[in-house]
Amino acid sequence: MTKKDIILKVSDDTNLKQTDVKRVVQKTLDCIIEALVRGEKIELRNFGVFKIKQRKSRTGRNPRTGDVVPVPPRKVVVFKPGLDMKKKVK
């Protein structure tokens, strides 16, 4: 499912204009990204939690050549699903 599919579904279910729904969906995603950039945790009840996790530096291996390559530390976004999502997906 793409962002466009979500916009169409919400627009059909709520009888709102697609342009209005698109603005709301995009603003929601922008707010989530901005909060993650600030290092905040985003908790959406019954959906899940987005947060930033710091990965340590490590040594990796180039799959083509087999050479050992240093992998620098970095930040990654992680998502942990909420209880309702876990139950429904099972």
PDB file of N, CA and C in Angstrom:
ATOM      1  N   MET A   1       0.849  -1.173   0.000  1.00  0.00           N
ATOM      2  CA  MET A   1       0.000   0.000   0.000  1.00  0.00           C
ATOM      3  C   MET A   1       0.896   1.239   0.000  1.00  0.00           C
ATOM      4  N   THR A   2       0.577   2.178  -0.841  1.00  0.00           N
ATOM      5  CA  THR A   2       1.361   3.408  -0.946  1.00  0.00           C
ATOM      6  C   THR A   2       0.643   4.551  -0.245  1.00  0.00           C
ATOM      7  N   LYS A   3       1.335   5.682  -0.149  1.00  0.00           N
ATOM      8  CA  LYS A   3       0.715   6.868   0.451  1.00  0.00           C
ATOM      9  C   LYS A   3      -0.515   7.279  -0.358  1.00  0.00           C
ATOM     10  N   LYS A   4      -0.427   7.167  -1.661  1.00  0.00           N
ATOM     11  CA  LYS A   4      -1.562   7.499  -2.533  1.00  0.00           C
ATOM     12  C   LYS A   4      -2.764   6.597  -2.231  1.00  0.00           C
ATOM     13  N   ASP A   5      -2.516   5.298  -1.998  1.00  0.00           N
ATOM     14  CA  ASP A   5      -3.595   4.373  -1.657  1.00  0.00           C
ATOM     15  C   ASP A   5      -4.261   4.766  -0.346  1.00  0.00           C
ATOM     16  N   ILE A   6      -3.455   5.176   0.620  1.00  0.00           N
ATOM     17  CA  ILE A   6      -4.009   5.607   1.912  1.00  0.00           C
ATOM     18  C   ILE A   6      -4.871   6.848   1.723  1.00  0.00           C
ATOM     19  N   ILE A   7      -4.375   7.785   0.935  1.00  0.00           N
ATOM     20  CA  ILE A   7      -5.128   9.016   0.686  1.00  0.00           C
ATOM     21  C   ILE A   7      -6.463   8.702   0.018  1.00  0.00           C
ATOM     22  N   LEU A   8      -6.450   7.832  -0.985  1.00  0.00           N
ATOM     23  CA  LEU A   8      -7.698   7.460  -1.670  1.00  0.00           C
ATOM     24  C   LEU A   8      -8.675   6.773  -0.724  1.00  0.00           C
ATOM     25  N   LYS A   9      -8.185   5.862   0.105  1.00  0.00           N
ATOM     26  CA  LYS A   9      -9.044   5.124   1.043  1.00  0.00           C
ATOM     27  C   LYS A   9      -9.673   6.073   2.059  1.00  0.00           C
ATOM     28  N   VAL A  10      -8.859   6.945   2.649  1.00  0.00           N
ATOM     29  CA  VAL A  10      -9.388   7.891   3.639  1.00  0.00           C
ATOM     30  C   VAL A  10     -10.367   8.853   2.983  1.00  0.00           C
ATOM     31  N   SER A  11     -10.050   9.306   1.793  1.00  0.00           N
ATOM     32  CA  SER A  11     -10.930  10.219   1.070  1.00  0.00           C
ATOM     33  C   SER A  11     -12.281   9.563   0.778  1.00  0.00           C
ATOM     34  N   ASP A  12     -12.258   8.316   0.341  1.00  0.00           N
ATOM     35  CA  ASP A  12     -13.505   7.597   0.056  1.00  0.00           C
ATOM     36  C   ASP A  12     -14.321   7.350   1.320  1.00  0.00           C
ATOM     37  N   ASP A  13     -13.645   6.974   2.404  1.00  0.00           N
ATOM     38  CA  ASP A  13     -14.344   6.645   3.651  1.00  0.00           C
ATOM     39  C   ASP A  13     -14.903   7.869   4.365  1.00  0.00           C
ATOM     40  N   THR A  14     -14.297   9.035   4.169  1.00  0.00           N
ATOM     41  CA  THR A  14     -14.706  10.227   4.914  1.00  0.00           C
ATOM     42  C   THR A  14     -15.408  11.274   4.064  1.00  0.00           C
ATOM     43  N   ASN A  15     -15.473  11.048   2.762  1.00  0.00           N
ATOM     44  CA  ASN A  15     -16.064  12.015   1.831  1.00  0.00           C
ATOM     45  C   ASN A  15     -15.356  13.369   1.880  1.00  0.00           C
ATOM     46  N   LEU A  16     -14.062  13.364   2.152  1.00  0.00           N
ATOM     47  CA  LEU A  16     -13.246  14.571   2.111  1.00  0.00           C
ATOM     48  C   LEU A  16     -12.506  14.617   0.777  1.00  0.00           C
ATOM     49  N   LYS A  17     -12.111  15.814   0.370  1.00  0.00           N
ATOM     50  CA  LYS A  17     -11.367  15.965  -0.869  1.00  0.00           C
ATOM     51  C   LYS A  17      -9.998  15.309  -0.730  1.00  0.00           C
ATOM     52  N   GLN A  18      -9.538  14.717  -1.820  1.00  0.00           N
ATOM     53  CA  GLN A  18      -8.223  14.071  -1.809  1.00  0.00           C
ATOM     54  C   GLN A  18      -7.115  15.062  -1.488  1.00  0.00           C
ATOM     55  N   THR A  19      -7.248  16.293  -1.962  1.00  0.00           N
ATOM     56  CA  THR A  19      -6.207  17.286  -1.692  1.00  0.00           C
ATOM     57  C   THR A  19      -6.121  17.610  -0.204  1.00  0.00           C
ATOM     58  N   ASP A  20      -7.274  17.660   0.466  1.00  0.00           N
ATOM     59  CA  ASP A  20      -7.280  17.932   1.911  1.00  0.00           C
ATOM     60  C   ASP A  20      -6.673  16.764   2.679  1.00  0.00           C
ATOM     61  N   VAL A  21      -7.053  15.561   2.293  1.00  0.00           N
ATOM     62  CA  VAL A  21      -6.519  14.371   2.956  1.00  0.00           C
ATOM     63  C   VAL A  21      -5.011  14.275   2.719  1.00  0.00           C
ATOM     64  N   LYS A  22      -4.575  14.591   1.504  1.00  0.00           N
ATOM     65  CA  LYS A  22      -3.154  14.530   1.175  1.00  0.00           C
ATOM     66  C   LYS A  22      -2.355  15.484   2.060  1.00  0.00           C
ATOM     67  N   ARG A  23      -2.876  16.692   2.258  1.00  0.00           N
ATOM     68  CA  ARG A  23      -2.192  17.661   3.118  1.00  0.00           C
ATOM     69  C   ARG A  23      -2.086  17.168   4.554  1.00  0.00           C
ATOM     70  N   VAL A  24      -3.162  16.569   5.062  1.00  0.00           N
ATOM     71  CA  VAL A  24      -3.158  16.063   6.441  1.00  0.00           C
ATOM     72  C   VAL A  24      -2.185  14.894   6.583  1.00  0.00           C
ATOM     73  N   VAL A  25      -2.217  13.962   5.645  1.00  0.00           N
ATOM     74  CA  VAL A  25      -1.314  12.810   5.698  1.00  0.00           C
ATOM     75  C   VAL A  25       0.143  13.275   5.609  1.00  0.00           C
ATOM     76  N   GLN A  26       0.433  14.174   4.682  1.00  0.00           N
ATOM     77  CA  GLN A  26       1.803  14.651   4.526  1.00  0.00           C
ATOM     78  C   GLN A  26       2.271  15.416   5.749  1.00  0.00           C
ATOM     79  N   LYS A  27       1.409  16.241   6.316  1.00  0.00           N
ATOM     80  CA  LYS A  27       1.777  17.000   7.518  1.00  0.00           C
ATOM     81  C   LYS A  27       2.026  16.048   8.690  1.00  0.00           C
ATOM     82  N   THR A  28       1.244  14.989   8.797  1.00  0.00           N
ATOM     83  CA  THR A  28       1.448  13.992   9.850  1.00  0.00           C
ATOM     84  C   THR A  28       2.818  13.338   9.698  1.00  0.00           C
ATOM     85  N   LEU A  29       3.139  12.923   8.491  1.00  0.00           N
ATOM     86  CA  LEU A  29       4.438  12.298   8.244  1.00  0.00           C
ATOM     87  C   LEU A  29       5.582  13.278   8.495  1.00  0.00           C
ATOM     88  N   ASP A  30       5.397  14.536   8.101  1.00  0.00           N
ATOM     89  CA  ASP A  30       6.420  15.555   8.339  1.00  0.00           C
ATOM     90  C   ASP A  30       6.654  15.760   9.836  1.00  0.00           C
ATOM     91  N   CYS A  31       5.583  15.768  10.620  1.00  0.00           N
ATOM     92  CA  CYS A  31       5.707  15.936  12.070  1.00  0.00           C
ATOM     93  C   CYS A  31       6.463  14.765  12.693  1.00  0.00           C
ATOM     94  N   ILE A  32       6.198  13.557  12.215  1.00  0.00           N
ATOM     95  CA  ILE A  32       6.910  12.378  12.712  1.00  0.00           C
ATOM     96  C   ILE A  32       8.401  12.491  12.395  1.00  0.00           C
ATOM     97  N   ILE A  33       8.721  12.874  11.172  1.00  0.00           N
ATOM     98  CA  ILE A  33      10.123  13.014  10.771  1.00  0.00           C
ATOM     99  C   ILE A  33      10.817  14.097  11.588  1.00  0.00           C
ATOM    100  N   GLU A  34      10.163  15.241  11.762  1.00  0.00           N
ATOM    101  CA  GLU A  34      10.758  16.336  12.531  1.00  0.00           C
ATOM    102  C   GLU A  34      11.037  15.911  13.972  1.00  0.00           C
ATOM    103  N   ALA A  35      10.119  15.177  14.565  1.00  0.00           N
ATOM    104  CA  ALA A  35      10.315  14.718  15.941  1.00  0.00           C
ATOM    105  C   ALA A  35      11.479  13.738  16.025  1.00  0.00           C
ATOM    106  N   LEU A  36      11.601  12.855  15.050  1.00  0.00           N
ATOM    107  CA  LEU A  36      12.715  11.911  15.037  1.00  0.00           C
ATOM    108  C   LEU A  36      14.044  12.633  14.863  1.00  0.00           C
ATOM    109  N   VAL A  37      14.071  13.660  14.035  1.00  0.00           N
ATOM    110  CA  VAL A  37      15.293  14.443  13.838  1.00  0.00           C
ATOM    111  C   VAL A  37      15.719  15.093  15.156  1.00  0.00           C
ATOM    112  N   ARG A  38      14.743  15.529  15.951  1.00  0.00           N
ATOM    113  CA  ARG A  38      15.045  16.125  17.258  1.00  0.00           C
ATOM    114  C   ARG A  38      15.406  15.072  18.304  1.00  0.00           C
ATOM    115  N   GLY A  39      15.309  13.795  17.938  1.00  0.00           N
ATOM    116  CA  GLY A  39      15.647  12.720  18.873  1.00  0.00           C
ATOM    117  C   GLY A  39      14.500  12.294  19.762  1.00  0.00           C
ATOM    118  N   GLU A  40      13.301  12.711  19.441  1.00  0.00           N
ATOM    119  CA  GLU A  40      12.131  12.367  20.245  1.00  0.00           C
ATOM    120  C   GLU A  40      11.576  11.008  19.835  1.00  0.00           C
ATOM    121  N   LYS A  41      10.845  10.409  20.764  1.00  0.00           N
ATOM    122  CA  LYS A  41      10.163   9.145  20.504  1.00  0.00           C
ATOM    123  C   LYS A  41       8.718   9.473  20.135  1.00  0.00           C
ATOM    124  N   ILE A  42       8.188   8.813  19.117  1.00  0.00           N
ATOM    125  CA  ILE A  42       6.809   9.022  18.691  1.00  0.00           C
ATOM    126  C   ILE A  42       6.006   7.803  19.088  1.00  0.00           C
ATOM    127  N   GLU A  43       5.032   8.006  19.942  1.00  0.00           N
ATOM    128  CA  GLU A  43       4.202   6.901  20.421  1.00  0.00           C
ATOM    129  C   GLU A  43       2.780   7.118  19.937  1.00  0.00           C
ATOM    130  N   LEU A  44       2.325   6.240  19.061  1.00  0.00           N
ATOM    131  CA  LEU A  44       0.962   6.283  18.546  1.00  0.00           C
ATOM    132  C   LEU A  44       0.199   5.117  19.172  1.00  0.00           C
ATOM    133  N   ARG A  45      -0.655   5.417  20.122  1.00  0.00           N
ATOM    134  CA  ARG A  45      -1.374   4.371  20.856  1.00  0.00           C
ATOM    135  C   ARG A  45      -2.082   3.408  19.909  1.00  0.00           C
ATOM    136  N   ASN A  46      -2.020   2.142  20.237  1.00  0.00           N
ATOM    137  CA  ASN A  46      -2.633   1.057  19.476  1.00  0.00           C
ATOM    138  C   ASN A  46      -2.019   0.866  18.091  1.00  0.00           C
ATOM    139  N   PHE A  47      -0.991   1.630  17.763  1.00  0.00           N
ATOM    140  CA  PHE A  47      -0.310   1.460  16.476  1.00  0.00           C
ATOM    141  C   PHE A  47       1.126   1.024  16.706  1.00  0.00           C
ATOM    142  N   GLY A  48       1.919   1.888  17.359  1.00  0.00           N
ATOM    143  CA  GLY A  48       3.294   1.523  17.639  1.00  0.00           C
ATOM    144  C   GLY A  48       4.143   2.707  18.022  1.00  0.00           C
ATOM    145  N   VAL A  49       5.437   2.456  18.143  1.00  0.00           N
ATOM    146  CA  VAL A  49       6.387   3.470  18.579  1.00  0.00           C
ATOM    147  C   VAL A  49       7.530   3.566  17.572  1.00  0.00           C
ATOM    148  N   PHE A  50       7.841   4.790  17.153  1.00  0.00           N
ATOM    149  CA  PHE A  50       9.006   5.075  16.330  1.00  0.00           C
ATOM    150  C   PHE A  50      10.049   5.729  17.223  1.00  0.00           C
ATOM    151  N   LYS A  51      11.303   5.303  17.104  1.00  0.00           N
ATOM    152  CA  LYS A  51      12.363   5.969  17.843  1.00  0.00           C
ATOM    153  C   LYS A  51      13.684   5.782  17.114  1.00  0.00           C
ATOM    154  N   ILE A  52      14.661   6.579  17.519  1.00  0.00           N
ATOM    155  CA  ILE A  52      16.002   6.528  16.939  1.00  0.00           C
ATOM    156  C   ILE A  52      16.864   5.628  17.812  1.00  0.00           C
ATOM    157  N   LYS A  53      17.609   4.757  17.170  1.00  0.00           N
ATOM    158  CA  LYS A  53      18.523   3.877  17.878  1.00  0.00           C
ATOM    159  C   LYS A  53      19.923   4.105  17.322  1.00  0.00           C
ATOM    160  N   GLN A  54      20.893   4.172  18.214  1.00  0.00           N
ATOM    161  CA  GLN A  54      22.284   4.370  17.806  1.00  0.00           C
ATOM    162  C   GLN A  54      22.931   3.006  17.586  1.00  0.00           C
ATOM    163  N   ARG A  55      23.437   2.769  16.391  1.00  0.00           N
ATOM    164  CA  ARG A  55      24.165   1.533  16.095  1.00  0.00           C
ATOM    165  C   ARG A  55      25.649   1.770  16.342  1.00  0.00           C
ATOM    166  N   LYS A  56      26.306   0.809  16.945  1.00  0.00           N
ATOM    167  CA  LYS A  56      27.733   0.915  17.213  1.00  0.00           C
ATOM    168  C   LYS A  56      28.528   0.671  15.930  1.00  0.00           C
ATOM    169  N   SER A  57      29.772   1.125  15.953  1.00  0.00           N
ATOM    170  CA  SER A  57      30.636   0.827  14.810  1.00  0.00           C
ATOM    171  C   SER A  57      31.004  -0.656  14.870  1.00  0.00           C
ATOM    172  N   ARG A  58      31.270  -1.215  13.712  1.00  0.00           N
ATOM    173  CA  ARG A  58      31.588  -2.642  13.638  1.00  0.00           C
ATOM    174  C   ARG A  58      32.416  -2.896  12.394  1.00  0.00           C
ATOM    175  N   THR A  59      32.883  -4.104  12.273  1.00  0.00           N
ATOM    176  CA  THR A  59      33.580  -4.479  11.046  1.00  0.00           C
ATOM    177  C   THR A  59      32.638  -5.318  10.199  1.00  0.00           C
ATOM    178  N   GLY A  60      32.564  -4.977   8.937  1.00  0.00           N
ATOM    179  CA  GLY A  60      31.732  -5.723   8.003  1.00  0.00           C
ATOM    180  C   GLY A  60      32.613  -6.394   6.970  1.00  0.00           C
ATOM    181  N   ARG A  61      31.956  -7.041   6.029  1.00  0.00           N
ATOM    182  CA  ARG A  61      32.705  -7.735   4.990  1.00  0.00           C
ATOM    183  C   ARG A  61      32.061  -7.431   3.641  1.00  0.00           C
ATOM    184  N   ASN A  62      32.890  -7.078   2.668  1.00  0.00           N
ATOM    185  CA  ASN A  62      32.415  -6.850   1.313  1.00  0.00           C
ATOM    186  C   ASN A  62      32.059  -8.218   0.727  1.00  0.00           C
ATOM    187  N   PRO A  63      30.785  -8.439   0.352  1.00  0.00           N
ATOM    188  CA  PRO A  63      30.379  -9.756  -0.133  1.00  0.00           C
ATOM    189  C   PRO A  63      31.056 -10.174  -1.447  1.00  0.00           C
ATOM    190  N   ARG A  64      31.456  -9.221  -2.275  1.00  0.00           N
ATOM    191  CA  ARG A  64      32.093  -9.563  -3.548  1.00  0.00           C
ATOM    192  C   ARG A  64      33.550  -9.975  -3.375  1.00  0.00           C
ATOM    193  N   THR A  65      34.264  -9.171  -2.583  1.00  0.00           N
ATOM    194  CA  THR A  65      35.706  -9.407  -2.472  1.00  0.00           C
ATOM    195  C   THR A  65      36.102 -10.137  -1.201  1.00  0.00           C
ATOM    196  N   GLY A  66      35.235 -10.096  -0.193  1.00  0.00           N
ATOM    197  CA  GLY A  66      35.576 -10.718   1.083  1.00  0.00           C
ATOM    198  C   GLY A  66      36.442  -9.838   1.960  1.00  0.00           C
ATOM    199  N   ASP A  67      36.752  -8.627   1.490  1.00  0.00           N
ATOM    200  CA  ASP A  67      37.577  -7.708   2.271  1.00  0.00           C
ATOM    201  C   ASP A  67      36.839  -7.245   3.517  1.00  0.00           C
ATOM    202  N   VAL A  68      37.567  -7.077   4.603  1.00  0.00           N
ATOM    203  CA  VAL A  68      37.001  -6.536   5.839  1.00  0.00           C
ATOM    204  C   VAL A  68      36.885  -5.026   5.683  1.00  0.00           C
ATOM    205  N   VAL A  69      35.707  -4.493   6.032  1.00  0.00           N
ATOM    206  CA  VAL A  69      35.424  -3.077   5.860  1.00  0.00           C
ATOM    207  C   VAL A  69      34.908  -2.518   7.189  1.00  0.00           C
ATOM    208  N   PRO A  70      35.452  -1.384   7.653  1.00  0.00           N
ATOM    209  CA  PRO A  70      34.905  -0.784   8.871  1.00  0.00           C
ATOM    210  C   PRO A  70      33.565  -0.114   8.572  1.00  0.00           C
ATOM    211  N   VAL A  71      32.573  -0.366   9.427  1.00  0.00           N
ATOM    212  CA  VAL A  71      31.260   0.258   9.294  1.00  0.00           C
ATOM    213  C   VAL A  71      31.143   1.270  10.426  1.00  0.00           C
ATOM    214  N   PRO A  72      30.975   2.556  10.100  1.00  0.00           N
ATOM    215  CA  PRO A  72      30.943   3.593  11.146  1.00  0.00           C
ATOM    216  C   PRO A  72      29.638   3.536  11.956  1.00  0.00           C
ATOM    217  N   PRO A  73      29.641   4.131  13.144  1.00  0.00           N
ATOM    218  CA  PRO A  73      28.391   4.185  13.919  1.00  0.00           C
ATOM    219  C   PRO A  73      27.371   5.049  13.186  1.00  0.00           C
ATOM    220  N   ARG A  74      26.098   4.751  13.395  1.00  0.00           N
ATOM    221  CA  ARG A  74      25.051   5.541  12.742  1.00  0.00           C
ATOM    222  C   ARG A  74      23.752   5.427  13.514  1.00  0.00           C
ATOM    223  N   LYS A  75      22.854   6.326  13.192  1.00  0.00           N
ATOM    224  CA  LYS A  75      21.530   6.331  13.805  1.00  0.00           C
ATOM    225  C   LYS A  75      20.556   5.691  12.820  1.00  0.00           C
ATOM    226  N   VAL A  76      19.630   4.883  13.345  1.00  0.00           N
ATOM    227  CA  VAL A  76      18.604   4.270  12.507  1.00  0.00           C
ATOM    228  C   VAL A  76      17.244   4.445  13.176  1.00  0.00           C
ATOM    229  N   VAL A  77      16.210   4.490  12.366  1.00  0.00           N
ATOM    230  CA  VAL A  77      14.848   4.566  12.880  1.00  0.00           C
ATOM    231  C   VAL A  77      14.349   3.147  13.095  1.00  0.00           C
ATOM    232  N   VAL A  78      13.803   2.891  14.273  1.00  0.00           N
ATOM    233  CA  VAL A  78      13.226   1.583  14.559  1.00  0.00           C
ATOM    234  C   VAL A  78      11.745   1.759  14.876  1.00  0.00           C
ATOM    235  N   PHE A  79      10.973   0.736  14.573  1.00  0.00           N
ATOM    236  CA  PHE A  79       9.531   0.753  14.836  1.00  0.00           C
ATOM    237  C   PHE A  79       9.180  -0.480  15.639  1.00  0.00           C
ATOM    238  N   LYS A  80       8.435  -0.273  16.713  1.00  0.00           N
ATOM    239  CA  LYS A  80       7.943  -1.383  17.518  1.00  0.00           C
ATOM    240  C   LYS A  80       6.419  -1.326  17.468  1.00  0.00           C
ATOM    241  N   PRO A  81       5.775  -2.351  16.919  1.00  0.00           N
ATOM    242  CA  PRO A  81       4.320  -2.321  16.796  1.00  0.00           C
ATOM    243  C   PRO A  81       3.633  -2.383  18.164  1.00  0.00           C
ATOM    244  N   GLY A  82       2.454  -1.759  18.243  1.00  0.00           N
ATOM    245  CA  GLY A  82       1.656  -1.782  19.455  1.00  0.00           C
ATOM    246  C   GLY A  82       0.914  -3.100  19.602  1.00  0.00           C
ATOM    247  N   LEU A  83       0.299  -3.295  20.761  1.00  0.00           N
ATOM    248  CA  LEU A  83      -0.389  -4.555  21.049  1.00  0.00           C
ATOM    249  C   LEU A  83      -1.532  -4.831  20.078  1.00  0.00           C
ATOM    250  N   ASP A  84      -2.340  -3.801  19.779  1.00  0.00           N
ATOM    251  CA  ASP A  84      -3.461  -4.009  18.851  1.00  0.00           C
ATOM    252  C   ASP A  84      -2.964  -4.440  17.479  1.00  0.00           C
ATOM    253  N   MET A  85      -1.897  -3.820  17.005  1.00  0.00           N
ATOM    254  CA  MET A  85      -1.356  -4.192  15.700  1.00  0.00           C
ATOM    255  C   MET A  85      -0.839  -5.619  15.722  1.00  0.00           C
ATOM    256  N   LYS A  86      -0.127  -5.982  16.782  1.00  0.00           N
ATOM    257  CA  LYS A  86       0.393  -7.337  16.898  1.00  0.00           C
ATOM    258  C   LYS A  86      -0.730  -8.366  16.853  1.00  0.00           C
ATOM    259  N   LYS A  87      -1.805  -8.100  17.586  1.00  0.00           N
ATOM    260  CA  LYS A  87      -2.941  -9.030  17.628  1.00  0.00           C
ATOM    261  C   LYS A  87      -3.607  -9.170  16.258  1.00  0.00           C
ATOM    262  N   LYS A  88      -3.787  -8.045  15.585  1.00  0.00           N
ATOM    263  CA  LYS A  88      -4.483  -8.094  14.291  1.00  0.00           C
ATOM    264  C   LYS A  88      -3.648  -8.698  13.192  1.00  0.00           C
ATOM    265  N   VAL A  89      -2.327  -8.535  13.253  1.00  0.00           N
ATOM    266  CA  VAL A  89      -1.461  -9.057  12.217  1.00  0.00           C
ATOM    267  C   VAL A  89      -1.305 -10.575  12.368  1.00  0.00           C
ATOM    268  N   LYS A  90      -1.343 -11.065  13.595  1.00  0.00           N
ATOM    269  CA  LYS A  90      -1.203 -12.517  13.797  1.00  0.00           C
ATOM    270  C   LYS A  90      -2.308 -13.207  13.135  1.00  0.00           C
TER     271      LYS A  90
END
